Amino acid sequence: MFYKAEHARDKMEPPLHVVDLHIEKICSDFRGLSNAEIILLQLDTFEKYFHLAWVHHLGSLTVIHGVGTGKLKSEIHRWLKNRPEVRSFDAPFHPLYGNGATVIQFAL
């Protein structure tokens, strides 16, 4: 029997067009987590929704990382630079998210 990608896609979680990586949005009990544990959880969540967006053929994905110290944004941008699925990414000013979001355009 042959594997059919469209059948696998039907069983996956639906993709998001906008994913908010603020820790309180992705983890209900984050108190007591170290900064390293928090950023790892945020990066894991980012990668999950990046891959879901790609598999579901979304044209773009907006990632809300916040402004903070810039560590999460830097890690996301570093990761995106090495991805063949990415046509471009930028962190322009957004009326809803200010400078705290990155817009990823996929190479479809």
PDB file of N, CA and C in Angstrom:
ATOM      1  N   MET A   1       0.850  -1.180   0.000  1.00  0.00           N
ATOM      2  CA  MET A   1       0.000   0.000   0.000  1.00  0.00           C
ATOM      3  C   MET A   1       0.897   1.246   0.000  1.00  0.00           C
ATOM      4  N   PHE A   2       0.520   2.218  -0.756  1.00  0.00           N
ATOM      5  CA  PHE A   2       1.304   3.441  -0.884  1.00  0.00           C
ATOM      6  C   PHE A   2       0.828   4.496   0.103  1.00  0.00           C
ATOM      7  N   TYR A   3       1.772   5.301   0.530  1.00  0.00           N
ATOM      8  CA  TYR A   3       1.511   6.411   1.459  1.00  0.00           C
ATOM      9  C   TYR A   3       0.981   7.598   0.667  1.00  0.00           C
ATOM     10  N   LYS A   4      -0.079   8.203   1.131  1.00  0.00           N
ATOM     11  CA  LYS A   4      -0.647   9.373   0.464  1.00  0.00           C
ATOM     12  C   LYS A   4      -0.602  10.562   1.424  1.00  0.00           C
ATOM     13  N   ALA A   5       0.160  11.565   1.050  1.00  0.00           N
ATOM     14  CA  ALA A   5       0.366  12.727   1.910  1.00  0.00           C
ATOM     15  C   ALA A   5      -0.934  13.446   2.241  1.00  0.00           C
ATOM     16  N   GLU A   6      -1.850  13.531   1.289  1.00  0.00           N
ATOM     17  CA  GLU A   6      -3.095  14.255   1.550  1.00  0.00           C
ATOM     18  C   GLU A   6      -3.918  13.585   2.651  1.00  0.00           C
ATOM     19  N   HIS A   7      -3.805  12.260   2.790  1.00  0.00           N
ATOM     20  CA  HIS A   7      -4.514  11.560   3.862  1.00  0.00           C
ATOM     21  C   HIS A   7      -3.875  11.860   5.222  1.00  0.00           C
ATOM     22  N   ALA A   8      -2.572  11.946   5.261  1.00  0.00           N
ATOM     23  CA  ALA A   8      -1.871  12.288   6.504  1.00  0.00           C
ATOM     24  C   ALA A   8      -2.240  13.696   6.940  1.00  0.00           C
ATOM     25  N   ARG A   9      -2.306  14.626   5.980  1.00  0.00           N
ATOM     26  CA  ARG A   9      -2.651  16.014   6.283  1.00  0.00           C
ATOM     27  C   ARG A   9      -4.023  16.109   6.943  1.00  0.00           C
ATOM     28  N   ASP A  10      -4.964  15.262   6.512  1.00  0.00           N
ATOM     29  CA  ASP A  10      -6.319  15.286   7.068  1.00  0.00           C
ATOM     30  C   ASP A  10      -6.344  14.916   8.551  1.00  0.00           C
ATOM     31  N   LYS A  11      -5.362  14.187   9.018  1.00  0.00           N
ATOM     32  CA  LYS A  11      -5.330  13.722  10.401  1.00  0.00           C
ATOM     33  C   LYS A  11      -4.501  14.635  11.316  1.00  0.00           C
ATOM     34  N   MET A  12      -3.868  15.640  10.748  1.00  0.00           N
ATOM     35  CA  MET A  12      -3.027  16.556  11.524  1.00  0.00           C
ATOM     36  C   MET A  12      -3.852  17.670  12.153  1.00  0.00           C
ATOM     37  N   GLU A  13      -3.270  18.269  13.156  1.00  0.00           N
ATOM     38  CA  GLU A  13      -3.843  19.471  13.759  1.00  0.00           C
ATOM     39  C   GLU A  13      -3.922  20.545  12.678  1.00  0.00           C
ATOM     40  N   PRO A  14      -4.969  21.367  12.694  1.00  0.00           N
ATOM     41  CA  PRO A  14      -5.046  22.427  11.684  1.00  0.00           C
ATOM     42  C   PRO A  14      -3.937  23.459  11.878  1.00  0.00           C
ATOM     43  N   PRO A  15      -3.495  24.054  10.786  1.00  0.00           N
ATOM     44  CA  PRO A  15      -2.440  25.065  10.900  1.00  0.00           C
ATOM     45  C   PRO A  15      -3.011  26.381  11.422  1.00  0.00           C
ATOM     46  N   LEU A  16      -2.118  27.225  11.886  1.00  0.00           N
ATOM     47  CA  LEU A  16      -2.483  28.585  12.289  1.00  0.00           C
ATOM     48  C   LEU A  16      -1.827  29.561  11.326  1.00  0.00           C
ATOM     49  N   HIS A  17      -2.497  30.656  11.051  1.00  0.00           N
ATOM     50  CA  HIS A  17      -1.890  31.719  10.251  1.00  0.00           C
ATOM     51  C   HIS A  17      -1.062  32.646  11.133  1.00  0.00           C
ATOM     52  N   VAL A  18      -1.437  32.703  12.415  1.00  0.00           N
ATOM     53  CA  VAL A  18      -0.723  33.520  13.401  1.00  0.00           C
ATOM     54  C   VAL A  18      -0.510  32.660  14.636  1.00  0.00           C
ATOM     55  N   VAL A  19       0.738  32.570  15.085  1.00  0.00           N
ATOM     56  CA  VAL A  19       1.034  31.817  16.305  1.00  0.00           C
ATOM     57  C   VAL A  19       1.685  32.766  17.314  1.00  0.00           C
ATOM     58  N   ASP A  20       1.118  32.794  18.521  1.00  0.00           N
ATOM     59  CA  ASP A  20       1.605  33.671  19.589  1.00  0.00           C
ATOM     60  C   ASP A  20       2.474  32.844  20.528  1.00  0.00           C
ATOM     61  N   LEU A  21       3.750  33.196  20.615  1.00  0.00           N
ATOM     62  CA  LEU A  21       4.701  32.444  21.419  1.00  0.00           C
ATOM     63  C   LEU A  21       4.908  32.999  22.828  1.00  0.00           C
ATOM     64  N   HIS A  22       4.108  33.967  23.231  1.00  0.00           N
ATOM     65  CA  HIS A  22       4.197  34.421  24.618  1.00  0.00           C
ATOM     66  C   HIS A  22       3.921  33.212  25.505  1.00  0.00           C
ATOM     67  N   ILE A  23       4.745  33.012  26.500  1.00  0.00           N
ATOM     68  CA  ILE A  23       4.695  31.786  27.297  1.00  0.00           C
ATOM     69  C   ILE A  23       3.324  31.554  27.913  1.00  0.00           C
ATOM     70  N   GLU A  24       2.643  32.603  28.340  1.00  0.00           N
ATOM     71  CA  GLU A  24       1.320  32.418  28.950  1.00  0.00           C
ATOM     72  C   GLU A  24       0.274  31.951  27.947  1.00  0.00           C
ATOM     73  N   LYS A  25       0.563  32.085  26.656  1.00  0.00           N
ATOM     74  CA  LYS A  25      -0.357  31.623  25.611  1.00  0.00           C
ATOM     75  C   LYS A  25      -0.154  30.139  25.291  1.00  0.00           C
ATOM     76  N   ILE A  26       1.036  29.610  25.571  1.00  0.00           N
ATOM     77  CA  ILE A  26       1.318  28.224  25.185  1.00  0.00           C
ATOM     78  C   ILE A  26       1.463  27.268  26.363  1.00  0.00           C
ATOM     79  N   CYS A  27       1.522  27.814  27.571  1.00  0.00           N
ATOM     80  CA  CYS A  27       1.706  26.954  28.755  1.00  0.00           C
ATOM     81  C   CYS A  27       0.929  27.553  29.930  1.00  0.00           C
ATOM     82  N   SER A  28      -0.014  26.787  30.456  1.00  0.00           N
ATOM     83  CA  SER A  28      -0.840  27.323  31.541  1.00  0.00           C
ATOM     84  C   SER A  28      -0.088  27.379  32.872  1.00  0.00           C
ATOM     85  N   ASP A  29       0.901  26.522  33.045  1.00  0.00           N
ATOM     86  CA  ASP A  29       1.639  26.484  34.304  1.00  0.00           C
ATOM     87  C   ASP A  29       3.135  26.641  34.021  1.00  0.00           C
ATOM     88  N   PHE A  30       3.545  27.875  33.776  1.00  0.00           N
ATOM     89  CA  PHE A  30       4.940  28.138  33.429  1.00  0.00           C
ATOM     90  C   PHE A  30       5.761  28.645  34.615  1.00  0.00           C
ATOM     91  N   ARG A  31       5.097  28.910  35.714  1.00  0.00           N
ATOM     92  CA  ARG A  31       5.828  29.387  36.887  1.00  0.00           C
ATOM     93  C   ARG A  31       6.773  28.285  37.361  1.00  0.00           C
ATOM     94  N   GLY A  32       7.978  28.655  37.684  1.00  0.00           N
ATOM     95  CA  GLY A  32       8.962  27.674  38.109  1.00  0.00           C
ATOM     96  C   GLY A  32       9.839  27.171  36.971  1.00  0.00           C
ATOM     97  N   LEU A  33       9.475  27.489  35.718  1.00  0.00           N
ATOM     98  CA  LEU A  33      10.326  27.116  34.595  1.00  0.00           C
ATOM     99  C   LEU A  33      11.501  28.087  34.506  1.00  0.00           C
ATOM    100  N   SER A  34      12.657  27.577  34.178  1.00  0.00           N
ATOM    101  CA  SER A  34      13.816  28.456  33.983  1.00  0.00           C
ATOM    102  C   SER A  34      13.675  29.179  32.652  1.00  0.00           C
ATOM    103  N   ASN A  35      14.474  30.220  32.444  1.00  0.00           N
ATOM    104  CA  ASN A  35      14.455  30.939  31.169  1.00  0.00           C
ATOM    105  C   ASN A  35      14.801  30.010  30.013  1.00  0.00           C
ATOM    106  N   ALA A  36      15.747  29.094  30.245  1.00  0.00           N
ATOM    107  CA  ALA A  36      16.135  28.145  29.197  1.00  0.00           C
ATOM    108  C   ALA A  36      14.973  27.218  28.851  1.00  0.00           C
ATOM    109  N   GLU A  37      14.254  26.736  29.865  1.00  0.00           N
ATOM    110  CA  GLU A  37      13.099  25.868  29.619  1.00  0.00           C
ATOM    111  C   GLU A  37      11.999  26.609  28.872  1.00  0.00           C
ATOM    112  N   ILE A  38      11.800  27.870  29.208  1.00  0.00           N
ATOM    113  CA  ILE A  38      10.774  28.674  28.542  1.00  0.00           C
ATOM    114  C   ILE A  38      11.115  28.857  27.072  1.00  0.00           C
ATOM    115  N   ILE A  39      12.333  29.247  26.768  1.00  0.00           N
ATOM    116  CA  ILE A  39      12.679  29.480  25.365  1.00  0.00           C
ATOM    117  C   ILE A  39      12.648  28.179  24.559  1.00  0.00           C
ATOM    118  N   LEU A  40      13.018  27.061  25.171  1.00  0.00           N
ATOM    119  CA  LEU A  40      12.932  25.772  24.473  1.00  0.00           C
ATOM    120  C   LEU A  40      11.479  25.415  24.164  1.00  0.00           C
ATOM    121  N   LEU A  41      10.586  25.660  25.102  1.00  0.00           N
ATOM    122  CA  LEU A  41       9.159  25.420  24.879  1.00  0.00           C
ATOM    123  C   LEU A  41       8.632  26.320  23.763  1.00  0.00           C
ATOM    124  N   GLN A  42       9.040  27.586  23.774  1.00  0.00           N
ATOM    125  CA  GLN A  42       8.619  28.517  22.728  1.00  0.00           C
ATOM    126  C   GLN A  42       9.146  28.084  21.358  1.00  0.00           C
ATOM    127  N   LEU A  43      10.401  27.669  21.298  1.00  0.00           N
ATOM    128  CA  LEU A  43      10.984  27.238  20.022  1.00  0.00           C
ATOM    129  C   LEU A  43      10.351  25.949  19.527  1.00  0.00           C
ATOM    130  N   ASP A  44      10.053  25.019  20.419  1.00  0.00           N
ATOM    131  CA  ASP A  44       9.360  23.789  20.018  1.00  0.00           C
ATOM    132  C   ASP A  44       7.980  24.108  19.444  1.00  0.00           C
ATOM    133  N   THR A  45       7.271  25.026  20.089  1.00  0.00           N
ATOM    134  CA  THR A  45       5.943  25.430  19.610  1.00  0.00           C
ATOM    135  C   THR A  45       6.062  26.101  18.250  1.00  0.00           C
ATOM    136  N   PHE A  46       7.046  26.977  18.098  1.00  0.00           N
ATOM    137  CA  PHE A  46       7.282  27.634  16.805  1.00  0.00           C
ATOM    138  C   PHE A  46       7.518  26.597  15.707  1.00  0.00           C
ATOM    139  N   GLU A  47       8.418  25.646  15.954  1.00  0.00           N
ATOM    140  CA  GLU A  47       8.733  24.639  14.934  1.00  0.00           C
ATOM    141  C   GLU A  47       7.509  23.802  14.578  1.00  0.00           C
ATOM    142  N   LYS A  48       6.708  23.457  15.568  1.00  0.00           N
ATOM    143  CA  LYS A  48       5.484  22.686  15.318  1.00  0.00           C
ATOM    144  C   LYS A  48       4.569  23.426  14.351  1.00  0.00           C
ATOM    145  N   TYR A  49       4.305  24.696  14.636  1.00  0.00           N
ATOM    146  CA  TYR A  49       3.375  25.442  13.789  1.00  0.00           C
ATOM    147  C   TYR A  49       4.001  25.853  12.459  1.00  0.00           C
ATOM    148  N   PHE A  50       5.303  25.997  12.416  1.00  0.00           N
ATOM    149  CA  PHE A  50       6.001  26.220  11.143  1.00  0.00           C
ATOM    150  C   PHE A  50       5.766  25.009  10.234  1.00  0.00           C
ATOM    151  N   HIS A  51       6.005  23.811  10.749  1.00  0.00           N
ATOM    152  CA  HIS A  51       5.852  22.600   9.947  1.00  0.00           C
ATOM    153  C   HIS A  51       4.394  22.364   9.560  1.00  0.00           C
ATOM    154  N   LEU A  52       3.462  22.627  10.454  1.00  0.00           N
ATOM    155  CA  LEU A  52       2.046  22.496  10.104  1.00  0.00           C
ATOM    156  C   LEU A  52       1.665  23.462   8.980  1.00  0.00           C
ATOM    157  N   ALA A  53       2.145  24.693   9.057  1.00  0.00           N
ATOM    158  CA  ALA A  53       1.857  25.680   8.006  1.00  0.00           C
ATOM    159  C   ALA A  53       2.422  25.220   6.669  1.00  0.00           C
ATOM    160  N   TRP A  54       3.636  24.678   6.701  1.00  0.00           N
ATOM    161  CA  TRP A  54       4.279  24.214   5.468  1.00  0.00           C
ATOM    162  C   TRP A  54       3.524  23.012   4.879  1.00  0.00           C
ATOM    163  N   VAL A  55       3.210  22.044   5.693  1.00  0.00           N
ATOM    164  CA  VAL A  55       2.527  20.835   5.226  1.00  0.00           C
ATOM    165  C   VAL A  55       1.150  21.158   4.656  1.00  0.00           C
ATOM    166  N   HIS A  56       0.487  22.144   5.229  1.00  0.00           N
ATOM    167  CA  HIS A  56      -0.852  22.538   4.770  1.00  0.00           C
ATOM    168  C   HIS A  56      -0.803  23.596   3.669  1.00  0.00           C
ATOM    169  N   HIS A  57       0.384  23.875   3.169  1.00  0.00           N
ATOM    170  CA  HIS A  57       0.580  24.796   2.037  1.00  0.00           C
ATOM    171  C   HIS A  57       0.080  26.215   2.294  1.00  0.00           C
ATOM    172  N   LEU A  58       0.271  26.714   3.510  1.00  0.00           N
ATOM    173  CA  LEU A  58      -0.045  28.123   3.760  1.00  0.00           C
ATOM    174  C   LEU A  58       1.001  28.972   3.049  1.00  0.00           C
ATOM    175  N   GLY A  59       0.606  30.105   2.572  1.00  0.00           N
ATOM    176  CA  GLY A  59       1.559  30.992   1.909  1.00  0.00           C
ATOM    177  C   GLY A  59       2.458  31.733   2.879  1.00  0.00           C
ATOM    178  N   SER A  60       1.918  31.967   4.094  1.00  0.00           N
ATOM    179  CA  SER A  60       2.700  32.720   5.080  1.00  0.00           C
ATOM    180  C   SER A  60       2.295  32.312   6.490  1.00  0.00           C
ATOM    181  N   LEU A  61       3.149  32.691   7.426  1.00  0.00           N
ATOM    182  CA  LEU A  61       2.902  32.449   8.842  1.00  0.00           C
ATOM    183  C   LEU A  61       3.433  33.659   9.599  1.00  0.00           C
ATOM    184  N   THR A  62       2.612  34.207  10.487  1.00  0.00           N
ATOM    185  CA  THR A  62       3.046  35.299  11.353  1.00  0.00           C
ATOM    186  C   THR A  62       3.316  34.726  12.733  1.00  0.00           C
ATOM    187  N   VAL A  63       4.520  34.996  13.239  1.00  0.00           N
ATOM    188  CA  VAL A  63       4.961  34.485  14.533  1.00  0.00           C
ATOM    189  C   VAL A  63       5.112  35.666  15.484  1.00  0.00           C
ATOM    190  N   ILE A  64       4.310  35.678  16.531  1.00  0.00           N
ATOM    191  CA  ILE A  64       4.405  36.736  17.535  1.00  0.00           C
ATOM    192  C   ILE A  64       5.393  36.268  18.601  1.00  0.00           C
ATOM    193  N   HIS A  65       6.531  36.943  18.662  1.00  0.00           N
ATOM    194  CA  HIS A  65       7.566  36.580  19.620  1.00  0.00           C
ATOM    195  C   HIS A  65       7.755  37.643  20.689  1.00  0.00           C
ATOM    196  N   GLY A  66       7.144  38.790  20.502  1.00  0.00           N
ATOM    197  CA  GLY A  66       7.305  39.888  21.445  1.00  0.00           C
ATOM    198  C   GLY A  66       8.624  40.616  21.222  1.00  0.00           C
ATOM    199  N   VAL A  67       8.852  41.644  21.996  1.00  0.00           N
ATOM    200  CA  VAL A  67      10.072  42.437  21.857  1.00  0.00           C
ATOM    201  C   VAL A  67      11.093  41.976  22.883  1.00  0.00           C
ATOM    202  N   GLY A  68      10.797  42.081  24.146  1.00  0.00           N
ATOM    203  CA  GLY A  68      11.675  41.598  25.213  1.00  0.00           C
ATOM    204  C   GLY A  68      13.143  41.890  24.980  1.00  0.00           C
ATOM    205  N   THR A  69      13.976  40.893  25.239  1.00  0.00           N
ATOM    206  CA  THR A  69      15.425  41.050  25.057  1.00  0.00           C
ATOM    207  C   THR A  69      15.850  40.769  23.623  1.00  0.00           C
ATOM    208  N   GLY A  70      14.966  40.170  22.835  1.00  0.00           N
ATOM    209  CA  GLY A  70      15.284  39.854  21.451  1.00  0.00           C
ATOM    210  C   GLY A  70      15.863  38.464  21.253  1.00  0.00           C
ATOM    211  N   LYS A  71      16.024  37.705  22.323  1.00  0.00           N
ATOM    212  CA  LYS A  71      16.622  36.361  22.230  1.00  0.00           C
ATOM    213  C   LYS A  71      15.751  35.413  21.411  1.00  0.00           C
ATOM    214  N   LEU A  72      14.449  35.374  21.671  1.00  0.00           N
ATOM    215  CA  LEU A  72      13.555  34.480  20.938  1.00  0.00           C
ATOM    216  C   LEU A  72      13.513  34.855  19.457  1.00  0.00           C
ATOM    217  N   LYS A  73      13.392  36.136  19.184  1.00  0.00           N
ATOM    218  CA  LYS A  73      13.388  36.603  17.790  1.00  0.00           C
ATOM    219  C   LYS A  73      14.686  36.202  17.097  1.00  0.00           C
ATOM    220  N   SER A  74      15.815  36.395  17.746  1.00  0.00           N
ATOM    221  CA  SER A  74      17.110  36.039  17.157  1.00  0.00           C
ATOM    222  C   SER A  74      17.206  34.549  16.861  1.00  0.00           C
ATOM    223  N   GLU A  75      16.747  33.728  17.789  1.00  0.00           N
ATOM    224  CA  GLU A  75      16.788  32.278  17.592  1.00  0.00           C
ATOM    225  C   GLU A  75      15.884  31.851  16.436  1.00  0.00           C
ATOM    226  N   ILE A  76      14.707  32.448  16.350  1.00  0.00           N
ATOM    227  CA  ILE A  76      13.784  32.137  15.249  1.00  0.00           C
ATOM    228  C   ILE A  76      14.403  32.548  13.920  1.00  0.00           C
ATOM    229  N   HIS A  77      14.958  33.740  13.849  1.00  0.00           N
ATOM    230  CA  HIS A  77      15.564  34.222  12.594  1.00  0.00           C
ATOM    231  C   HIS A  77      16.762  33.369  12.200  1.00  0.00           C
ATOM    232  N   ARG A  78      17.568  32.970  13.174  1.00  0.00           N
ATOM    233  CA  ARG A  78      18.721  32.100  12.892  1.00  0.00           C
ATOM    234  C   ARG A  78      18.246  30.775  12.302  1.00  0.00           C
ATOM    235  N   TRP A  79      17.195  30.218  12.860  1.00  0.00           N
ATOM    236  CA  TRP A  79      16.646  28.944  12.392  1.00  0.00           C
ATOM    237  C   TRP A  79      16.066  29.085  10.989  1.00  0.00           C
ATOM    238  N   LEU A  80      15.364  30.192  10.736  1.00  0.00           N
ATOM    239  CA  LEU A  80      14.721  30.401   9.432  1.00  0.00           C
ATOM    240  C   LEU A  80      15.735  30.553   8.298  1.00  0.00           C
ATOM    241  N   LYS A  81      16.908  31.107   8.589  1.00  0.00           N
ATOM    242  CA  LYS A  81      17.926  31.319   7.556  1.00  0.00           C
ATOM    243  C   LYS A  81      18.358  30.022   6.889  1.00  0.00           C
ATOM    244  N   ASN A  82      18.220  28.907   7.568  1.00  0.00           N
ATOM    245  CA  ASN A  82      18.689  27.619   7.057  1.00  0.00           C
ATOM    246  C   ASN A  82      17.572  26.737   6.508  1.00  0.00           C
ATOM    247  N   ARG A  83      16.397  27.296   6.313  1.00  0.00           N
ATOM    248  CA  ARG A  83      15.259  26.483   5.888  1.00  0.00           C
ATOM    249  C   ARG A  83      14.956  26.691   4.408  1.00  0.00           C
ATOM    250  N   PRO A  84      15.010  25.623   3.611  1.00  0.00           N
ATOM    251  CA  PRO A  84      14.698  25.751   2.188  1.00  0.00           C
ATOM    252  C   PRO A  84      13.227  26.054   1.919  1.00  0.00           C
ATOM    253  N   GLU A  85      12.360  25.801   2.908  1.00  0.00           N
ATOM    254  CA  GLU A  85      10.927  26.067   2.732  1.00  0.00           C
ATOM    255  C   GLU A  85      10.604  27.560   2.779  1.00  0.00           C
ATOM    256  N   VAL A  86      11.553  28.370   3.236  1.00  0.00           N
ATOM    257  CA  VAL A  86      11.316  29.800   3.461  1.00  0.00           C
ATOM    258  C   VAL A  86      11.788  30.613   2.264  1.00  0.00           C
ATOM    259  N   ARG A  87      10.864  31.352   1.674  1.00  0.00           N
ATOM    260  CA  ARG A  87      11.227  32.278   0.604  1.00  0.00           C
ATOM    261  C   ARG A  87      11.822  33.544   1.204  1.00  0.00           C
ATOM    262  N   SER A  88      11.165  34.059   2.258  1.00  0.00           N
ATOM    263  CA  SER A  88      11.663  35.266   2.923  1.00  0.00           C
ATOM    264  C   SER A  88      11.010  35.378   4.303  1.00  0.00           C
ATOM    265  N   PHE A  89      11.618  36.219   5.121  1.00  0.00           N
ATOM    266  CA  PHE A  89      11.017  36.549   6.416  1.00  0.00           C
ATOM    267  C   PHE A  89      11.472  37.942   6.793  1.00  0.00           C
ATOM    268  N   ASP A  90      10.607  38.614   7.547  1.00  0.00           N
ATOM    269  CA  ASP A  90      10.890  39.984   7.942  1.00  0.00           C
ATOM    270  C   ASP A  90      10.105  40.278   9.220  1.00  0.00           C
ATOM    271  N   ALA A  91      10.569  41.260   9.956  1.00  0.00           N
ATOM    272  CA  ALA A  91       9.881  41.687  11.174  1.00  0.00           C
ATOM    273  C   ALA A  91       9.471  43.151  11.037  1.00  0.00           C
ATOM    274  N   PRO A  92       8.559  43.430  10.106  1.00  0.00           N
ATOM    275  CA  PRO A  92       8.138  44.823   9.908  1.00  0.00           C
ATOM    276  C   PRO A  92       7.218  45.270  11.047  1.00  0.00           C
ATOM    277  N   PHE A  93       7.060  46.564  11.178  1.00  0.00           N
ATOM    278  CA  PHE A  93       6.106  47.079  12.162  1.00  0.00           C
ATOM    279  C   PHE A  93       4.714  46.617  11.747  1.00  0.00           C
ATOM    280  N   HIS A  94       3.973  46.107  12.710  1.00  0.00           N
ATOM    281  CA  HIS A  94       2.610  45.638  12.450  1.00  0.00           C
ATOM    282  C   HIS A  94       1.670  46.409  13.361  1.00  0.00           C
ATOM    283  N   PRO A  95       0.517  46.860  12.854  1.00  0.00           N
ATOM    284  CA  PRO A  95      -0.392  47.648  13.687  1.00  0.00           C
ATOM    285  C   PRO A  95      -0.875  46.922  14.949  1.00  0.00           C
ATOM    286  N   LEU A  96      -0.980  45.596  14.905  1.00  0.00           N
ATOM    287  CA  LEU A  96      -1.426  44.845  16.076  1.00  0.00           C
ATOM    288  C   LEU A  96      -0.284  44.377  16.971  1.00  0.00           C
ATOM    289  N   TYR A  97       0.877  44.050  16.375  1.00  0.00           N
ATOM    290  CA  TYR A  97       1.967  43.426  17.119  1.00  0.00           C
ATOM    291  C   TYR A  97       3.193  44.321  17.277  1.00  0.00           C
ATOM    292  N   GLY A  98       3.140  45.518  16.747  1.00  0.00           N
ATOM    293  CA  GLY A  98       4.297  46.415  16.827  1.00  0.00           C
ATOM    294  C   GLY A  98       5.500  45.795  16.148  1.00  0.00           C
ATOM    295  N   ASN A  99       6.644  45.819  16.819  1.00  0.00           N
ATOM    296  CA  ASN A  99       7.866  45.214  16.280  1.00  0.00           C
ATOM    297  C   ASN A  99       8.095  43.810  16.834  1.00  0.00           C
ATOM    298  N   GLY A 100       7.067  43.217  17.418  1.00  0.00           N
ATOM    299  CA  GLY A 100       7.210  41.936  18.081  1.00  0.00           C
ATOM    300  C   GLY A 100       6.729  40.737  17.296  1.00  0.00           C
ATOM    301  N   ALA A 101       6.748  40.820  15.963  1.00  0.00           N
ATOM    302  CA  ALA A 101       6.296  39.680  15.160  1.00  0.00           C
ATOM    303  C   ALA A 101       7.147  39.549  13.906  1.00  0.00           C
ATOM    304  N   THR A 102       7.293  38.322  13.450  1.00  0.00           N
ATOM    305  CA  THR A 102       8.000  38.023  12.208  1.00  0.00           C
ATOM    306  C   THR A 102       7.010  37.387  11.243  1.00  0.00           C
ATOM    307  N   VAL A 103       7.026  37.847  10.008  1.00  0.00           N
ATOM    308  CA  VAL A 103       6.172  37.299   8.957  1.00  0.00           C
ATOM    309  C   VAL A 103       7.060  36.434   8.056  1.00  0.00           C
ATOM    310  N   ILE A 104       6.673  35.178   7.914  1.00  0.00           N
ATOM    311  CA  ILE A 104       7.405  34.212   7.101  1.00  0.00           C
ATOM    312  C   ILE A 104       6.627  33.958   5.823  1.00  0.00           C
ATOM    313  N   GLN A 105       7.305  34.092   4.692  1.00  0.00           N
ATOM    314  CA  GLN A 105       6.712  33.747   3.389  1.00  0.00           C
ATOM    315  C   GLN A 105       7.312  32.419   2.957  1.00  0.00           C
ATOM    316  N   PHE A 106       6.448  31.459   2.647  1.00  0.00           N
ATOM    317  CA  PHE A 106       6.930  30.149   2.247  1.00  0.00           C
ATOM    318  C   PHE A 106       7.228  30.097   0.751  1.00  0.00           C
ATOM    319  N   ALA A 107       8.200  29.296   0.392  1.00  0.00           N
ATOM    320  CA  ALA A 107       8.526  29.027  -1.010  1.00  0.00           C
ATOM    321  C   ALA A 107       7.665  27.843  -1.432  1.00  0.00           C
ATOM    322  N   LEU A 108       6.535  28.117  -2.019  1.00  0.00           N
ATOM    323  CA  LEU A 108       5.600  27.028  -2.397  1.00  0.00           C
ATOM    324  C   LEU A 108       5.910  26.476  -3.758  1.00  0.00           C
TER     325      LEU A 108
END
